[in-house]
Amino acid sequence: MAALAVIGTALALAPIASAQSTRTDPFLDKAEYGPGETINIHLARGYKCGTYGGATSDGFTAPAELTQGGPDNWPLTGKTTAVDKPGSYEAIIKCLTGSVVNKFTIKVPPTTTTTPPAPTPPGRKPPIVKPKGAPDTGGGGTASR
């Protein structure tokens, strides 16, 4: 009898453990962001999701607060900001029966170096700038001796 009780308990718990699943429905607006860029979130099938801490990630400056829409699959929407540290991250929205996970990247910002002007080729002198007009020598009156 004790063996049957153990087997019955294991069978009763098995569906609960397998009910916890990971979904990969897309909810991020794109896969690559710049540091400090706004991240828009929209999970089309958000029924029983998002009320367990919003959308979270080490790539977010703060968890995204999610708002649930009407009865057409109960979509979730929200916004957050990308961290400044480039790398690959996972975003997670927890649901009653598991989680929805998306991967994204924060790219290295482009460098903004300016190119110095090209030097004057050897053997060539820079152009001479000549003044235009008469020299400014005074009022034009006669000087007394």
C-alpha atoms as a PDB file:
ATOM      1  CA  MET A   1       0.000   0.000   0.000  1.00  0.00           C
ATOM      2  CA  ALA A   2       2.809   2.398   0.798  1.00  0.00           C
ATOM      3  CA  ALA A   3       4.314   1.761  -2.649  1.00  0.00           C
ATOM      4  CA  LEU A   4       0.983   2.567  -4.312  1.00  0.00           C
ATOM      5  CA  ALA A   5       0.724   5.800  -2.328  1.00  0.00           C
ATOM      6  CA  VAL A   6       4.200   6.877  -3.485  1.00  0.00           C
ATOM      7  CA  ILE A   7       3.443   6.036  -7.131  1.00  0.00           C
ATOM      8  CA  GLY A   8       0.074   7.807  -6.917  1.00  0.00           C
ATOM      9  CA  THR A   9       1.733  10.899  -5.460  1.00  0.00           C
ATOM     10  CA  ALA A  10       4.392  10.906  -8.192  1.00  0.00           C
ATOM     11  CA  LEU A  11       1.755  10.590 -10.903  1.00  0.00           C
ATOM     12  CA  ALA A  12      -0.325  13.360  -9.370  1.00  0.00           C
ATOM     13  CA  LEU A  13       2.669  15.726  -9.314  1.00  0.00           C
ATOM     14  CA  ALA A  14       3.904  14.891 -12.831  1.00  0.00           C
ATOM     15  CA  PRO A  15       1.324  17.002 -14.731  1.00  0.00           C
ATOM     16  CA  ILE A  16       2.050  20.020 -12.512  1.00  0.00           C
ATOM     17  CA  ALA A  17       5.786  19.851 -13.215  1.00  0.00           C
ATOM     18  CA  SER A  18       5.298  19.463 -16.954  1.00  0.00           C
ATOM     19  CA  ALA A  19       2.753  22.310 -17.005  1.00  0.00           C
ATOM     20  CA  GLN A  20       5.596  24.758 -16.262  1.00  0.00           C
ATOM     21  CA  SER A  21       6.794  25.479 -19.772  1.00  0.00           C
ATOM     22  CA  THR A  22       8.872  28.066 -21.547  1.00  0.00           C
ATOM     23  CA  ARG A  23       7.286  29.856 -24.485  1.00  0.00           C
ATOM     24  CA  THR A  24       9.200  31.845 -27.069  1.00  0.00           C
ATOM     25  CA  ASP A  25       6.393  34.046 -28.424  1.00  0.00           C
ATOM     26  CA  PRO A  26       8.024  37.242 -29.696  1.00  0.00           C
ATOM     27  CA  PHE A  27       7.318  40.225 -27.436  1.00  0.00           C
ATOM     28  CA  LEU A  28      10.297  42.558 -27.952  1.00  0.00           C
ATOM     29  CA  ASP A  29       9.947  45.055 -30.817  1.00  0.00           C
ATOM     30  CA  LYS A  30      13.377  44.097 -32.215  1.00  0.00           C
ATOM     31  CA  ALA A  31      16.392  41.891 -31.510  1.00  0.00           C
ATOM     32  CA  GLU A  32      19.106  44.560 -31.250  1.00  0.00           C
ATOM     33  CA  TYR A  33      19.206  47.820 -29.296  1.00  0.00           C
ATOM     34  CA  GLY A  34      21.651  50.618 -28.659  1.00  0.00           C
ATOM     35  CA  PRO A  35      22.672  51.556 -25.114  1.00  0.00           C
ATOM     36  CA  GLY A  36      19.922  53.646 -23.472  1.00  0.00           C
ATOM     37  CA  GLU A  37      17.435  52.924 -26.269  1.00  0.00           C
ATOM     38  CA  THR A  38      13.715  52.440 -25.517  1.00  0.00           C
ATOM     39  CA  ILE A  39      12.547  48.818 -25.616  1.00  0.00           C
ATOM     40  CA  ASN A  40       8.878  48.356 -26.559  1.00  0.00           C
ATOM     41  CA  ILE A  41       7.103  45.204 -25.369  1.00  0.00           C
ATOM     42  CA  HIS A  42       3.961  43.640 -26.818  1.00  0.00           C
ATOM     43  CA  LEU A  43       2.963  40.056 -25.997  1.00  0.00           C
ATOM     44  CA  ALA A  44      -0.064  39.155 -28.143  1.00  0.00           C
ATOM     45  CA  ARG A  45      -1.136  36.136 -26.058  1.00  0.00           C
ATOM     46  CA  GLY A  46      -0.693  37.499 -22.551  1.00  0.00           C
ATOM     47  CA  TYR A  47      -3.531  35.699 -20.769  1.00  0.00           C
ATOM     48  CA  LYS A  48      -2.434  34.878 -17.183  1.00  0.00           C
ATOM     49  CA  CYS A  49       0.982  36.509 -17.795  1.00  0.00           C
ATOM     50  CA  GLY A  50       2.833  39.597 -16.676  1.00  0.00           C
ATOM     51  CA  THR A  51       1.184  40.185 -13.334  1.00  0.00           C
ATOM     52  CA  TYR A  52       4.098  38.390 -11.671  1.00  0.00           C
ATOM     53  CA  GLY A  53       6.681  41.192 -11.853  1.00  0.00           C
ATOM     54  CA  GLY A  54       6.297  42.494 -15.417  1.00  0.00           C
ATOM     55  CA  ALA A  55       9.058  41.866 -17.955  1.00  0.00           C
ATOM     56  CA  THR A  56      12.518  41.493 -16.445  1.00  0.00           C
ATOM     57  CA  SER A  57      16.082  41.267 -17.763  1.00  0.00           C
ATOM     58  CA  ASP A  58      19.633  42.163 -16.792  1.00  0.00           C
ATOM     59  CA  GLY A  59      19.578  44.119 -20.063  1.00  0.00           C
ATOM     60  CA  PHE A  60      16.801  46.431 -18.782  1.00  0.00           C
ATOM     61  CA  THR A  61      17.510  49.449 -16.578  1.00  0.00           C
ATOM     62  CA  ALA A  62      14.349  48.520 -14.644  1.00  0.00           C
ATOM     63  CA  PRO A  63      11.620  45.876 -14.975  1.00  0.00           C
ATOM     64  CA  ALA A  64       8.978  46.866 -17.537  1.00  0.00           C
ATOM     65  CA  GLU A  65       5.551  47.451 -16.040  1.00  0.00           C
ATOM     66  CA  LEU A  66       3.016  45.718 -18.280  1.00  0.00           C
ATOM     67  CA  THR A  67      -0.557  46.757 -19.007  1.00  0.00           C
ATOM     68  CA  GLN A  68      -3.075  44.094 -19.982  1.00  0.00           C
ATOM     69  CA  GLY A  69      -5.510  44.795 -22.809  1.00  0.00           C
ATOM     70  CA  GLY A  70      -9.012  43.495 -23.521  1.00  0.00           C
ATOM     71  CA  PRO A  71     -10.315  39.962 -23.957  1.00  0.00           C
ATOM     72  CA  ASP A  72      -8.815  39.338 -27.437  1.00  0.00           C
ATOM     73  CA  ASN A  73      -6.049  37.027 -26.059  1.00  0.00           C
ATOM     74  CA  TRP A  74      -5.371  39.596 -23.288  1.00  0.00           C
ATOM     75  CA  PRO A  75      -2.296  41.272 -24.875  1.00  0.00           C
ATOM     76  CA  LEU A  76       0.389  42.821 -22.669  1.00  0.00           C
ATOM     77  CA  THR A  77       2.227  46.047 -23.494  1.00  0.00           C
ATOM     78  CA  GLY A  78       4.949  48.042 -21.786  1.00  0.00           C
ATOM     79  CA  LYS A  79       8.252  49.904 -22.150  1.00  0.00           C
ATOM     80  CA  THR A  80      11.661  49.996 -20.545  1.00  0.00           C
ATOM     81  CA  THR A  81      15.185  51.158 -21.385  1.00  0.00           C
ATOM     82  CA  ALA A  82      18.266  49.196 -22.466  1.00  0.00           C
ATOM     83  CA  VAL A  83      21.278  49.229 -20.141  1.00  0.00           C
ATOM     84  CA  ASP A  84      24.534  50.847 -21.268  1.00  0.00           C
ATOM     85  CA  LYS A  85      26.553  47.607 -21.181  1.00  0.00           C
ATOM     86  CA  PRO A  86      26.761  45.857 -24.600  1.00  0.00           C
ATOM     87  CA  GLY A  87      26.095  42.110 -24.641  1.00  0.00           C
ATOM     88  CA  SER A  88      23.503  39.360 -25.115  1.00  0.00           C
ATOM     89  CA  TYR A  89      20.538  39.205 -22.743  1.00  0.00           C
ATOM     90  CA  GLU A  90      17.293  37.330 -22.058  1.00  0.00           C
ATOM     91  CA  ALA A  91      13.996  39.030 -21.286  1.00  0.00           C
ATOM     92  CA  ILE A  92      11.414  37.072 -19.289  1.00  0.00           C
ATOM     93  CA  ILE A  93       7.690  37.515 -18.728  1.00  0.00           C
ATOM     94  CA  LYS A  94       6.424  35.138 -16.046  1.00  0.00           C
ATOM     95  CA  CYS A  95       3.056  33.482 -16.537  1.00  0.00           C
ATOM     96  CA  LEU A  96       0.858  31.294 -14.367  1.00  0.00           C
ATOM     97  CA  THR A  97       1.968  28.158 -16.237  1.00  0.00           C
ATOM     98  CA  GLY A  98       5.573  29.070 -17.083  1.00  0.00           C
ATOM     99  CA  SER A  99       7.482  31.901 -18.734  1.00  0.00           C
ATOM    100  CA  VAL A 100       7.882  33.610 -22.085  1.00  0.00           C
ATOM    101  CA  VAL A 101      11.539  34.210 -22.999  1.00  0.00           C
ATOM    102  CA  ASN A 102      13.089  36.395 -25.724  1.00  0.00           C
ATOM    103  CA  LYS A 103      16.787  36.934 -26.444  1.00  0.00           C
ATOM    104  CA  PHE A 104      18.183  40.309 -27.494  1.00  0.00           C
ATOM    105  CA  THR A 105      21.485  42.136 -27.911  1.00  0.00           C
ATOM    106  CA  ILE A 106      22.708  45.535 -26.835  1.00  0.00           C
ATOM    107  CA  LYS A 107      25.217  46.601 -29.467  1.00  0.00           C
ATOM    108  CA  VAL A 108      28.403  48.584 -29.019  1.00  0.00           C
ATOM    109  CA  PRO A 109      27.752  52.237 -29.874  1.00  0.00           C
ATOM    110  CA  PRO A 110      29.462  53.471 -33.045  1.00  0.00           C
ATOM    111  CA  THR A 111      32.629  55.448 -32.527  1.00  0.00           C
ATOM    112  CA  THR A 112      32.462  59.105 -33.449  1.00  0.00           C
ATOM    113  CA  THR A 113      36.014  59.991 -34.399  1.00  0.00           C
ATOM    114  CA  THR A 114      36.677  62.834 -36.774  1.00  0.00           C
ATOM    115  CA  THR A 115      39.192  62.469 -39.564  1.00  0.00           C
ATOM    116  CA  PRO A 116      41.890  65.165 -39.525  1.00  0.00           C
ATOM    117  CA  PRO A 117      42.253  67.191 -42.740  1.00  0.00           C
ATOM    118  CA  ALA A 118      44.633  65.760 -45.307  1.00  0.00           C
ATOM    119  CA  PRO A 119      48.137  67.231 -45.104  1.00  0.00           C
ATOM    120  CA  THR A 120      49.462  69.369 -47.969  1.00  0.00           C
ATOM    121  CA  PRO A 121      51.237  67.112 -50.465  1.00  0.00           C
ATOM    122  CA  PRO A 122      55.052  67.343 -50.377  1.00  0.00           C
ATOM    123  CA  GLY A 123      56.599  69.841 -52.791  1.00  0.00           C
ATOM    124  CA  ARG A 124      53.493  71.982 -52.832  1.00  0.00           C
ATOM    125  CA  LYS A 125      53.223  75.192 -50.846  1.00  0.00           C
ATOM    126  CA  PRO A 126      49.966  76.218 -49.227  1.00  0.00           C
ATOM    127  CA  PRO A 127      48.168  78.982 -51.133  1.00  0.00           C
ATOM    128  CA  ILE A 128      49.129  82.556 -50.317  1.00  0.00           C
ATOM    129  CA  VAL A 129      46.239  84.706 -49.174  1.00  0.00           C
ATOM    130  CA  LYS A 130      46.660  88.310 -50.422  1.00  0.00           C
ATOM    131  CA  PRO A 131      44.807  91.216 -48.835  1.00  0.00           C
ATOM    132  CA  LYS A 132      42.190  92.946 -50.910  1.00  0.00           C
ATOM    133  CA  GLY A 133      41.790  96.733 -51.103  1.00  0.00           C
ATOM    134  CA  ALA A 134      44.092  99.578 -50.089  1.00  0.00           C
ATOM    135  CA  PRO A 135      46.097  99.385 -46.897  1.00  0.00           C
ATOM    136  CA  ASP A 136      44.618 101.150 -43.905  1.00  0.00           C
ATOM    137  CA  THR A 137      47.225 103.919 -43.271  1.00  0.00           C
ATOM    138  CA  GLY A 138      45.309 106.598 -41.530  1.00  0.00           C
ATOM    139  CA  GLY A 139      43.167 109.628 -42.269  1.00  0.00           C
ATOM    140  CA  GLY A 140      45.108 110.915 -45.302  1.00  0.00           C
ATOM    141  CA  GLY A 141      45.841 114.335 -43.835  1.00  0.00           C
ATOM    142  CA  THR A 142      49.169 116.184 -44.189  1.00  0.00           C
ATOM    143  CA  ALA A 143      51.697 115.761 -41.475  1.00  0.00           C
ATOM    144  CA  SER A 144      53.389 118.848 -40.097  1.00  0.00           C
ATOM    145  CA  ARG A 145      57.114 118.944 -39.668  1.00  0.00           C
END
